[in-house]
Amino acid sequence: MINCAYELQYYLHCSEDVVIEELQMLCPPTVNGGDAWSLEDLVQIVFFEGVETNDTAVVYRTSQSVYKLGELDLRMKKNRRIWYSKRLLRSQIPRISNRASELCGQHLYAPLYAKPAREL
């Protein structure tokens, strides 16, 4: 589970030993305008940056709707970058890590984050 488009972009570029076939977006009622959370197939994420302003916006296109987060008025001059699309996902070649896997023993599939030790 990834929290935002920035994390998704990083994960797609840096992940190893995984094959990603599709992505879904979990939309809270504050985003989808409904009265319940919805799980929607993610189609595209586009980042917009104003040419004459410092405003930005991220537009999420899903199978059910389009959601814009950010202050940029999209009618103004802007630059855009596609951060994710189904076409880009299909063209991505999975990377295999160089780590030698051990045949015995326990393995972690995700990082464990250490909690700070309590002061005595």
Protein backbone atom coordinates (compact mmCIF):
# COMPACT_ATOMS: atom_id res chain seq x y z
CA MET A 1 0.00 0.00 0.00
CA ILE A 2 1.38 3.38 -1.01
CA ASN A 3 0.23 6.71 0.45
CA CYS A 4 0.65 9.18 -2.42
CA ALA A 5 1.73 9.70 -6.02
CA TYR A 6 5.28 10.60 -4.95
CA GLU A 7 5.71 7.25 -3.18
CA LEU A 8 4.17 5.41 -6.13
CA GLN A 9 6.56 7.04 -8.58
CA TYR A 10 9.53 6.14 -6.38
CA TYR A 11 8.31 2.55 -5.92
CA LEU A 12 7.76 2.01 -9.65
CA HIS A 13 11.28 3.23 -10.45
CA CYS A 14 13.12 1.48 -7.62
CA SER A 15 11.30 -1.78 -6.93
CA GLU A 16 13.07 -5.05 -7.54
CA ASP A 17 11.84 -8.64 -7.54
CA VAL A 18 8.18 -7.70 -8.09
CA VAL A 19 5.83 -7.67 -11.06
CA ILE A 20 3.11 -5.02 -10.94
CA GLU A 21 0.14 -5.87 -13.12
CA GLU A 22 -2.37 -3.20 -12.09
CA LEU A 23 -2.93 -0.51 -9.51
CA GLN A 24 -5.98 0.56 -7.60
CA MET A 25 -6.70 3.79 -5.76
CA LEU A 26 -8.56 3.83 -2.46
CA CYS A 27 -10.62 7.02 -2.47
CA PRO A 28 -12.02 8.45 0.78
CA PRO A 29 -15.42 10.20 0.78
CA THR A 30 -13.67 13.58 0.96
CA VAL A 31 -12.12 12.88 -2.46
CA ASN A 32 -14.83 10.89 -4.26
CA GLY A 33 -17.74 13.01 -3.01
CA GLY A 34 -19.70 9.95 -1.89
CA ASP A 35 -20.65 8.68 1.53
CA ALA A 36 -18.24 5.70 1.55
CA TRP A 37 -14.72 4.79 0.52
CA SER A 38 -14.31 3.40 -3.00
CA LEU A 39 -11.64 1.18 -4.57
CA GLU A 40 -11.09 2.19 -8.19
CA ASP A 41 -8.74 1.01 -10.95
CA LEU A 42 -6.04 3.63 -11.48
CA VAL A 43 -5.70 4.70 -15.12
CA GLN A 44 -3.35 7.71 -15.02
CA ILE A 45 -1.65 10.23 -12.74
CA VAL A 46 -0.58 13.57 -14.25
CA PHE A 47 1.42 16.25 -12.42
CA PHE A 48 0.80 19.86 -13.50
CA GLU A 49 3.02 22.83 -12.66
CA GLY A 50 2.07 26.44 -13.41
CA VAL A 51 4.31 28.35 -15.83
CA GLU A 52 3.61 31.79 -14.34
CA THR A 53 2.80 30.65 -10.80
CA ASN A 54 4.24 28.27 -8.23
CA ASP A 55 0.93 26.40 -7.99
CA THR A 56 0.78 22.69 -8.73
CA ALA A 57 -1.89 20.03 -9.11
CA VAL A 58 -1.99 16.26 -9.39
CA VAL A 59 -4.82 14.74 -11.44
CA TYR A 60 -5.78 11.13 -10.76
CA ARG A 61 -7.85 9.44 -13.49
CA THR A 62 -9.55 6.25 -12.35
CA SER A 63 -12.00 3.85 -13.95
CA GLN A 64 -14.85 5.73 -12.28
CA SER A 65 -13.87 9.40 -12.16
CA VAL A 66 -11.17 12.09 -12.31
CA TYR A 67 -9.81 13.72 -9.13
CA LYS A 68 -7.73 16.88 -8.96
CA LEU A 69 -5.68 17.67 -5.87
CA GLY A 70 -3.89 21.00 -5.72
CA GLU A 71 -4.43 24.72 -6.23
CA LEU A 72 -3.38 25.14 -9.87
CA ASP A 73 -6.14 26.40 -12.18
CA LEU A 74 -5.80 24.00 -15.12
CA ARG A 75 -7.05 26.68 -17.55
CA MET A 76 -3.76 28.58 -17.02
CA LYS A 77 -0.44 27.95 -18.81
CA LYS A 78 1.18 24.86 -17.34
CA ASN A 79 3.70 22.11 -17.82
CA ARG A 80 2.68 18.52 -17.32
CA ARG A 81 4.38 15.23 -16.60
CA ILE A 82 2.73 11.84 -16.69
CA TRP A 83 3.75 10.08 -13.50
CA TYR A 84 1.78 6.91 -14.12
CA SER A 85 -0.30 5.35 -16.86
CA LYS A 86 -1.36 1.83 -17.72
CA ARG A 87 0.76 2.07 -20.88
CA LEU A 88 3.85 3.00 -18.86
CA LEU A 89 3.16 0.16 -16.44
CA ARG A 90 2.89 -2.38 -19.27
CA SER A 91 6.15 -1.15 -20.80
CA GLN A 92 8.04 -1.47 -17.52
CA ILE A 93 10.51 -4.35 -17.39
CA PRO A 94 10.72 -5.95 -13.93
CA ARG A 95 14.19 -5.84 -12.37
CA ILE A 96 15.72 -8.76 -10.56
CA SER A 97 17.98 -7.93 -7.64
CA ASN A 98 21.57 -9.11 -7.42
CA ARG A 99 21.12 -10.54 -3.95
CA ALA A 100 21.88 -14.20 -3.63
CA SER A 101 18.91 -15.86 -2.01
CA GLU A 102 19.55 -18.30 0.78
CA LEU A 103 17.67 -21.55 0.60
CA CYS A 104 17.26 -21.86 4.34
CA GLY A 105 16.46 -19.42 7.10
CA GLN A 106 13.94 -16.66 7.49
CA HIS A 107 13.60 -13.71 5.14
CA LEU A 108 11.96 -10.30 5.48
CA TYR A 109 9.87 -9.15 2.55
CA ALA A 110 9.60 -5.53 3.73
CA PRO A 111 11.70 -3.27 5.94
CA LEU A 112 11.10 -3.17 9.65
CA TYR A 113 11.29 0.30 11.13
CA ALA A 114 12.85 0.36 14.56
CA LYS A 115 11.01 2.32 17.21
CA PRO A 116 13.21 4.66 19.28
CA ALA A 117 14.21 3.20 22.63
CA ARG A 118 12.39 4.61 25.63
CA GLU A 119 14.45 6.75 27.89
CA LEU A 120 14.90 5.38 31.41
